[in-house]
Amino acid sequence: MARVRTYSAARIANRIKTLGREITRACHGAKLDVVVTMDRSFVFAADLIRHIGVPVALHFVREDVRDIELAGRPRREVFFTSRSTSPAGKGQPGLKGRDVLLVDSVLDSGITQDFLLRRIGESKPRSLRLAVLLDKTSRRRVALEPDYFAFRTASNLVWSGYGMAAANGVGPNSKDLVARSGHGTAGRKRKKKR
């Protein structure tokens, strides 16, 4: 029988309010460019930016995982497309000299976030930080720690709610975060691996 763990809507809201204050203090009044990974992160990002007390510009990146064949061997590739809400907004925004916060829902292996942070870093921002809702430390495959996280959790827990769907695609509209212990990647959303 799967073990169930829950973070209530009230506990999530209090933690995100605290994160927003921490981020606000780190910005020292400067504008912040927030890059949101879609689709699982939109609820977390929406709540988080409401608690950031400096001007915010939003940018969105969407992950597309494809299974390809390279030199006769199967391989999984991750591609990203971006969209900005700023008026200039064609393609990747110019982030040179700006303070940037990458927002994602789950930091597991860290490979996806590390790749995105390196890509964003190529535009030479003044500062570049990472905020995640759930930090799963035990399966990290790269040397990466979030600057901000709401909750640290076991890597074998499969979460749904608060914008994240269960393996069957339902539950992202739940206000609570609910986890069941899983085995490996069983029960995870097929397409996403973090």
C-alpha atoms as a PDB file:
ATOM      1  CA  MET A   1       0.000   0.000   0.000  1.00  0.00           C
ATOM      2  CA  ALA A   2       1.355   3.417  -0.962  1.00  0.00           C
ATOM      3  CA  ARG A   3       2.239   5.867   1.800  1.00  0.00           C
ATOM      4  CA  VAL A   4       0.444   9.202   1.432  1.00  0.00           C
ATOM      5  CA  ARG A   5       1.880  12.595   2.374  1.00  0.00           C
ATOM      6  CA  THR A   6       0.102  15.943   2.057  1.00  0.00           C
ATOM      7  CA  TYR A   7       1.029  19.615   2.188  1.00  0.00           C
ATOM      8  CA  SER A   8      -2.135  21.618   2.842  1.00  0.00           C
ATOM      9  CA  ALA A   9      -3.074  24.702   0.859  1.00  0.00           C
ATOM     10  CA  ALA A  10      -2.490  26.829   3.979  1.00  0.00           C
ATOM     11  CA  ARG A  11       0.997  25.408   4.541  1.00  0.00           C
ATOM     12  CA  ILE A  12       1.904  25.915   0.870  1.00  0.00           C
ATOM     13  CA  ALA A  13       0.632  29.518   0.952  1.00  0.00           C
ATOM     14  CA  ASN A  14       2.649  30.347   4.094  1.00  0.00           C
ATOM     15  CA  ARG A  15       5.823  28.856   2.670  1.00  0.00           C
ATOM     16  CA  ILE A  16       5.456  30.680  -0.658  1.00  0.00           C
ATOM     17  CA  LYS A  17       4.814  33.971   1.125  1.00  0.00           C
ATOM     18  CA  THR A  18       8.101  33.450   2.995  1.00  0.00           C
ATOM     19  CA  LEU A  19       9.935  32.664  -0.270  1.00  0.00           C
ATOM     20  CA  GLY A  20       8.524  35.823  -1.844  1.00  0.00           C
ATOM     21  CA  ARG A  21       9.890  37.928   1.030  1.00  0.00           C
ATOM     22  CA  GLU A  22      13.324  36.263   0.757  1.00  0.00           C
ATOM     23  CA  ILE A  23      13.450  36.922  -2.984  1.00  0.00           C
ATOM     24  CA  THR A  24      12.293  40.525  -2.496  1.00  0.00           C
ATOM     25  CA  ARG A  25      15.100  41.164   0.010  1.00  0.00           C
ATOM     26  CA  ALA A  26      17.678  39.667  -2.372  1.00  0.00           C
ATOM     27  CA  CYS A  27      16.541  41.981  -5.203  1.00  0.00           C
ATOM     28  CA  HIS A  28      17.238  45.216  -3.272  1.00  0.00           C
ATOM     29  CA  GLY A  29      14.412  46.955  -5.150  1.00  0.00           C
ATOM     30  CA  ALA A  30      15.663  46.034  -8.640  1.00  0.00           C
ATOM     31  CA  LYS A  31      13.414  44.672 -11.374  1.00  0.00           C
ATOM     32  CA  LEU A  32      13.356  40.870 -11.599  1.00  0.00           C
ATOM     33  CA  ASP A  33      12.987  38.800 -14.766  1.00  0.00           C
ATOM     34  CA  VAL A  34      11.169  35.579 -13.860  1.00  0.00           C
ATOM     35  CA  VAL A  35      11.556  32.636 -16.265  1.00  0.00           C
ATOM     36  CA  VAL A  36       8.809  30.051 -15.665  1.00  0.00           C
ATOM     37  CA  THR A  37       9.029  26.470 -16.901  1.00  0.00           C
ATOM     38  CA  MET A  38       5.686  25.304 -18.203  1.00  0.00           C
ATOM     39  CA  ASP A  39       3.357  23.446 -17.624  1.00  0.00           C
ATOM     40  CA  ARG A  40       3.782  22.104 -14.098  1.00  0.00           C
ATOM     41  CA  SER A  41       5.148  25.330 -12.614  1.00  0.00           C
ATOM     42  CA  PHE A  42       2.461  27.841 -13.538  1.00  0.00           C
ATOM     43  CA  VAL A  43       0.464  27.664 -10.274  1.00  0.00           C
ATOM     44  CA  PHE A  44       3.594  27.897  -8.116  1.00  0.00           C
ATOM     45  CA  ALA A  45       4.966  30.746 -10.228  1.00  0.00           C
ATOM     46  CA  ALA A  46       1.677  32.683 -10.158  1.00  0.00           C
ATOM     47  CA  ASP A  47       1.470  32.497  -6.367  1.00  0.00           C
ATOM     48  CA  LEU A  48       5.171  33.236  -5.903  1.00  0.00           C
ATOM     49  CA  ILE A  49       5.291  36.386  -8.047  1.00  0.00           C
ATOM     50  CA  ARG A  50       2.328  37.852  -6.115  1.00  0.00           C
ATOM     51  CA  HIS A  51       4.577  37.840  -3.047  1.00  0.00           C
ATOM     52  CA  ILE A  52       7.618  39.377  -4.747  1.00  0.00           C
ATOM     53  CA  GLY A  53       7.679  43.073  -3.891  1.00  0.00           C
ATOM     54  CA  VAL A  54       9.714  44.385  -6.847  1.00  0.00           C
ATOM     55  CA  PRO A  55       8.717  44.928 -10.492  1.00  0.00           C
ATOM     56  CA  VAL A  56       8.593  41.591 -12.355  1.00  0.00           C
ATOM     57  CA  ALA A  57       8.835  40.722 -16.066  1.00  0.00           C
ATOM     58  CA  LEU A  58       7.610  37.236 -16.982  1.00  0.00           C
ATOM     59  CA  HIS A  59       9.085  34.857 -19.534  1.00  0.00           C
ATOM     60  CA  PHE A  60       7.927  31.298 -20.221  1.00  0.00           C
ATOM     61  CA  VAL A  61       9.786  28.254 -21.491  1.00  0.00           C
ATOM     62  CA  ARG A  62       8.144  24.995 -22.477  1.00  0.00           C
ATOM     63  CA  GLU A  63       9.931  21.673 -22.265  1.00  0.00           C
ATOM     64  CA  ASP A  64       9.509  19.200 -25.106  1.00  0.00           C
ATOM     65  CA  VAL A  65      10.964  15.740 -24.517  1.00  0.00           C
ATOM     66  CA  ARG A  66      11.495  13.627 -27.646  1.00  0.00           C
ATOM     67  CA  ASP A  67      12.815  10.122 -28.122  1.00  0.00           C
ATOM     68  CA  ILE A  68      15.203  10.143 -31.074  1.00  0.00           C
ATOM     69  CA  GLU A  69      17.726   7.794 -32.628  1.00  0.00           C
ATOM     70  CA  LEU A  70      21.338   8.928 -32.843  1.00  0.00           C
ATOM     71  CA  ALA A  71      24.005   6.737 -34.456  1.00  0.00           C
ATOM     72  CA  GLY A  72      21.621   3.787 -34.245  1.00  0.00           C
ATOM     73  CA  ARG A  73      21.011   4.201 -30.510  1.00  0.00           C
ATOM     74  CA  PRO A  74      17.834   5.461 -28.833  1.00  0.00           C
ATOM     75  CA  ARG A  75      18.256   8.708 -26.990  1.00  0.00           C
ATOM     76  CA  ARG A  76      16.012  11.138 -25.152  1.00  0.00           C
ATOM     77  CA  GLU A  77      16.447  14.812 -26.063  1.00  0.00           C
ATOM     78  CA  VAL A  78      14.996  17.826 -24.271  1.00  0.00           C
ATOM     79  CA  PHE A  79      14.145  20.911 -26.315  1.00  0.00           C
ATOM     80  CA  PHE A  80      12.863  24.256 -25.055  1.00  0.00           C
ATOM     81  CA  THR A  81      10.768  26.917 -26.691  1.00  0.00           C
ATOM     82  CA  SER A  82      10.347  30.325 -25.104  1.00  0.00           C
ATOM     83  CA  ARG A  83       7.763  33.059 -24.975  1.00  0.00           C
ATOM     84  CA  SER A  84       8.034  36.424 -23.261  1.00  0.00           C
ATOM     85  CA  THR A  85       5.261  38.684 -21.996  1.00  0.00           C
ATOM     86  CA  SER A  86       7.416  41.752 -22.568  1.00  0.00           C
ATOM     87  CA  PRO A  87       6.444  43.930 -25.558  1.00  0.00           C
ATOM     88  CA  ALA A  88       9.695  43.262 -27.422  1.00  0.00           C
ATOM     89  CA  GLY A  89       8.969  39.567 -26.970  1.00  0.00           C
ATOM     90  CA  LYS A  90      10.274  37.576 -29.951  1.00  0.00           C
ATOM     91  CA  GLY A  91      12.154  34.456 -28.935  1.00  0.00           C
ATOM     92  CA  GLN A  92      14.526  34.429 -25.982  1.00  0.00           C
ATOM     93  CA  PRO A  93      14.504  37.758 -24.155  1.00  0.00           C
ATOM     94  CA  GLY A  94      17.717  39.726 -23.780  1.00  0.00           C
ATOM     95  CA  LEU A  95      18.668  39.225 -20.145  1.00  0.00           C
ATOM     96  CA  LYS A  96      22.120  40.802 -20.202  1.00  0.00           C
ATOM     97  CA  GLY A  97      22.829  42.700 -16.999  1.00  0.00           C
ATOM     98  CA  ARG A  98      19.472  41.760 -15.464  1.00  0.00           C
ATOM     99  CA  ASP A  99      18.475  39.867 -12.326  1.00  0.00           C
ATOM    100  CA  VAL A 100      16.873  36.561 -13.350  1.00  0.00           C
ATOM    101  CA  LEU A 101      14.951  33.950 -11.377  1.00  0.00           C
ATOM    102  CA  LEU A 102      14.220  30.548 -12.949  1.00  0.00           C
ATOM    103  CA  VAL A 103      11.058  29.031 -11.428  1.00  0.00           C
ATOM    104  CA  ASP A 104      10.337  25.306 -11.688  1.00  0.00           C
ATOM    105  CA  SER A 105       8.102  22.948  -9.764  1.00  0.00           C
ATOM    106  CA  VAL A 106      10.410  19.989  -9.053  1.00  0.00           C
ATOM    107  CA  LEU A 107      14.189  19.722  -8.813  1.00  0.00           C
ATOM    108  CA  ASP A 108      15.048  16.023  -8.993  1.00  0.00           C
ATOM    109  CA  SER A 109      18.087  14.982 -11.062  1.00  0.00           C
ATOM    110  CA  GLY A 110      18.801  18.660 -11.798  1.00  0.00           C
ATOM    111  CA  ILE A 111      19.773  17.978 -15.409  1.00  0.00           C
ATOM    112  CA  THR A 112      16.948  20.022 -16.944  1.00  0.00           C
ATOM    113  CA  GLN A 113      17.406  23.003 -14.635  1.00  0.00           C
ATOM    114  CA  ASP A 114      21.200  22.911 -15.035  1.00  0.00           C
ATOM    115  CA  PHE A 115      20.790  23.003 -18.814  1.00  0.00           C
ATOM    116  CA  LEU A 116      18.342  25.918 -18.621  1.00  0.00           C
ATOM    117  CA  LEU A 117      20.500  27.863 -16.174  1.00  0.00           C
ATOM    118  CA  ARG A 118      23.521  27.461 -18.464  1.00  0.00           C
ATOM    119  CA  ARG A 119      21.489  28.624 -21.475  1.00  0.00           C
ATOM    120  CA  ILE A 120      20.144  31.649 -19.608  1.00  0.00           C
ATOM    121  CA  GLY A 121      23.652  32.350 -18.292  1.00  0.00           C
ATOM    122  CA  GLU A 122      24.913  32.676 -21.880  1.00  0.00           C
ATOM    123  CA  SER A 123      23.068  36.010 -22.078  1.00  0.00           C
ATOM    124  CA  LYS A 124      25.193  37.292 -19.135  1.00  0.00           C
ATOM    125  CA  PRO A 125      22.560  38.270 -16.544  1.00  0.00           C
ATOM    126  CA  ARG A 126      23.747  40.210 -13.491  1.00  0.00           C
ATOM    127  CA  SER A 127      22.375  37.490 -11.219  1.00  0.00           C
ATOM    128  CA  LEU A 128      20.745  34.129 -11.875  1.00  0.00           C
ATOM    129  CA  ARG A 129      18.878  32.153  -9.226  1.00  0.00           C
ATOM    130  CA  LEU A 130      16.651  29.074  -9.070  1.00  0.00           C
ATOM    131  CA  ALA A 131      13.404  28.679  -7.102  1.00  0.00           C
ATOM    132  CA  VAL A 132      11.574  25.359  -6.890  1.00  0.00           C
ATOM    133  CA  LEU A 133       8.485  24.124  -5.130  1.00  0.00           C
ATOM    134  CA  LEU A 134       9.854  20.646  -4.371  1.00  0.00           C
ATOM    135  CA  ASP A 135      13.528  19.815  -3.911  1.00  0.00           C
ATOM    136  CA  LYS A 136      14.268  16.081  -4.224  1.00  0.00           C
ATOM    137  CA  THR A 137      17.912  15.836  -3.235  1.00  0.00           C
ATOM    138  CA  SER A 138      18.708  12.124  -3.234  1.00  0.00           C
ATOM    139  CA  ARG A 139      18.667  11.620  -7.023  1.00  0.00           C
ATOM    140  CA  ARG A 140      20.677  14.689  -8.012  1.00  0.00           C
ATOM    141  CA  ARG A 141      22.943  13.941 -10.974  1.00  0.00           C
ATOM    142  CA  VAL A 142      24.551  17.375 -11.246  1.00  0.00           C
ATOM    143  CA  ALA A 143      26.073  19.738  -8.694  1.00  0.00           C
ATOM    144  CA  LEU A 144      23.050  22.006  -8.380  1.00  0.00           C
ATOM    145  CA  GLU A 145      21.162  23.323  -5.363  1.00  0.00           C
ATOM    146  CA  PRO A 146      18.175  25.677  -5.527  1.00  0.00           C
ATOM    147  CA  ASP A 147      18.565  29.170  -4.138  1.00  0.00           C
ATOM    148  CA  TYR A 148      14.976  28.939  -2.889  1.00  0.00           C
ATOM    149  CA  PHE A 149      12.748  25.937  -2.260  1.00  0.00           C
ATOM    150  CA  ALA A 150       9.388  25.485  -0.581  1.00  0.00           C
ATOM    151  CA  PHE A 151       9.768  21.864   0.558  1.00  0.00           C
ATOM    152  CA  ARG A 152      12.476  19.189   0.593  1.00  0.00           C
ATOM    153  CA  THR A 153      11.042  15.769  -0.092  1.00  0.00           C
ATOM    154  CA  ALA A 154      12.015  12.179  -0.740  1.00  0.00           C
ATOM    155  CA  SER A 155      12.768  11.309  -4.345  1.00  0.00           C
ATOM    156  CA  ASN A 156      10.500   8.255  -4.292  1.00  0.00           C
ATOM    157  CA  LEU A 157       7.397  10.386  -3.694  1.00  0.00           C
ATOM    158  CA  VAL A 158       5.209  11.108  -6.719  1.00  0.00           C
ATOM    159  CA  TRP A 159       3.360  14.402  -6.198  1.00  0.00           C
ATOM    160  CA  SER A 160       0.131  15.728  -7.663  1.00  0.00           C
ATOM    161  CA  GLY A 161      -1.994  18.797  -7.088  1.00  0.00           C
ATOM    162  CA  TYR A 162      -1.080  22.464  -7.026  1.00  0.00           C
ATOM    163  CA  GLY A 163      -0.593  22.504 -10.802  1.00  0.00           C
ATOM    164  CA  MET A 164       0.969  19.057 -11.134  1.00  0.00           C
ATOM    165  CA  ALA A 165      -1.027  16.175 -12.596  1.00  0.00           C
ATOM    166  CA  ALA A 166      -0.937  12.588 -11.380  1.00  0.00           C
ATOM    167  CA  ALA A 167       0.179   9.819 -13.753  1.00  0.00           C
ATOM    168  CA  ASN A 168      -3.390   9.546 -15.065  1.00  0.00           C
ATOM    169  CA  GLY A 169      -3.440  13.273 -15.946  1.00  0.00           C
ATOM    170  CA  VAL A 170      -5.846  14.399 -13.233  1.00  0.00           C
ATOM    171  CA  GLY A 171      -5.454  16.463 -10.089  1.00  0.00           C
ATOM    172  CA  PRO A 172      -3.580  19.621 -11.076  1.00  0.00           C
ATOM    173  CA  ASN A 173      -6.484  21.744  -9.791  1.00  0.00           C
ATOM    174  CA  SER A 174      -6.207  20.408  -6.232  1.00  0.00           C
ATOM    175  CA  LYS A 175      -5.186  23.144  -3.775  1.00  0.00           C
ATOM    176  CA  ASP A 176      -3.193  20.651  -1.702  1.00  0.00           C
ATOM    177  CA  LEU A 177      -0.057  18.760  -2.704  1.00  0.00           C
ATOM    178  CA  VAL A 178      -0.489  15.012  -2.294  1.00  0.00           C
ATOM    179  CA  ALA A 179       2.236  12.389  -2.690  1.00  0.00           C
ATOM    180  CA  ARG A 180       2.282   8.654  -2.811  1.00  0.00           C
ATOM    181  CA  SER A 181       5.446   6.629  -2.581  1.00  0.00           C
ATOM    182  CA  GLY A 182       6.396   5.229  -5.969  1.00  0.00           C
ATOM    183  CA  HIS A 183       8.906   2.742  -7.247  1.00  0.00           C
ATOM    184  CA  GLY A 184      11.503   4.287  -9.565  1.00  0.00           C
ATOM    185  CA  THR A 185       9.714   6.267 -12.234  1.00  0.00           C
ATOM    186  CA  ALA A 186       6.511   4.228 -12.120  1.00  0.00           C
ATOM    187  CA  GLY A 187       3.494   6.436 -11.805  1.00  0.00           C
ATOM    188  CA  ARG A 188       5.279   9.521 -13.055  1.00  0.00           C
ATOM    189  CA  LYS A 189       4.041  11.569 -15.890  1.00  0.00           C
ATOM    190  CA  ARG A 190       5.539   9.773 -18.908  1.00  0.00           C
ATOM    191  CA  LYS A 191       6.947  12.794 -20.635  1.00  0.00           C
ATOM    192  CA  LYS A 192       8.642  14.649 -17.800  1.00  0.00           C
ATOM    193  CA  LYS A 193      11.791  13.649 -15.958  1.00  0.00           C
ATOM    194  CA  ARG A 194      13.480  16.107 -13.640  1.00  0.00           C
END
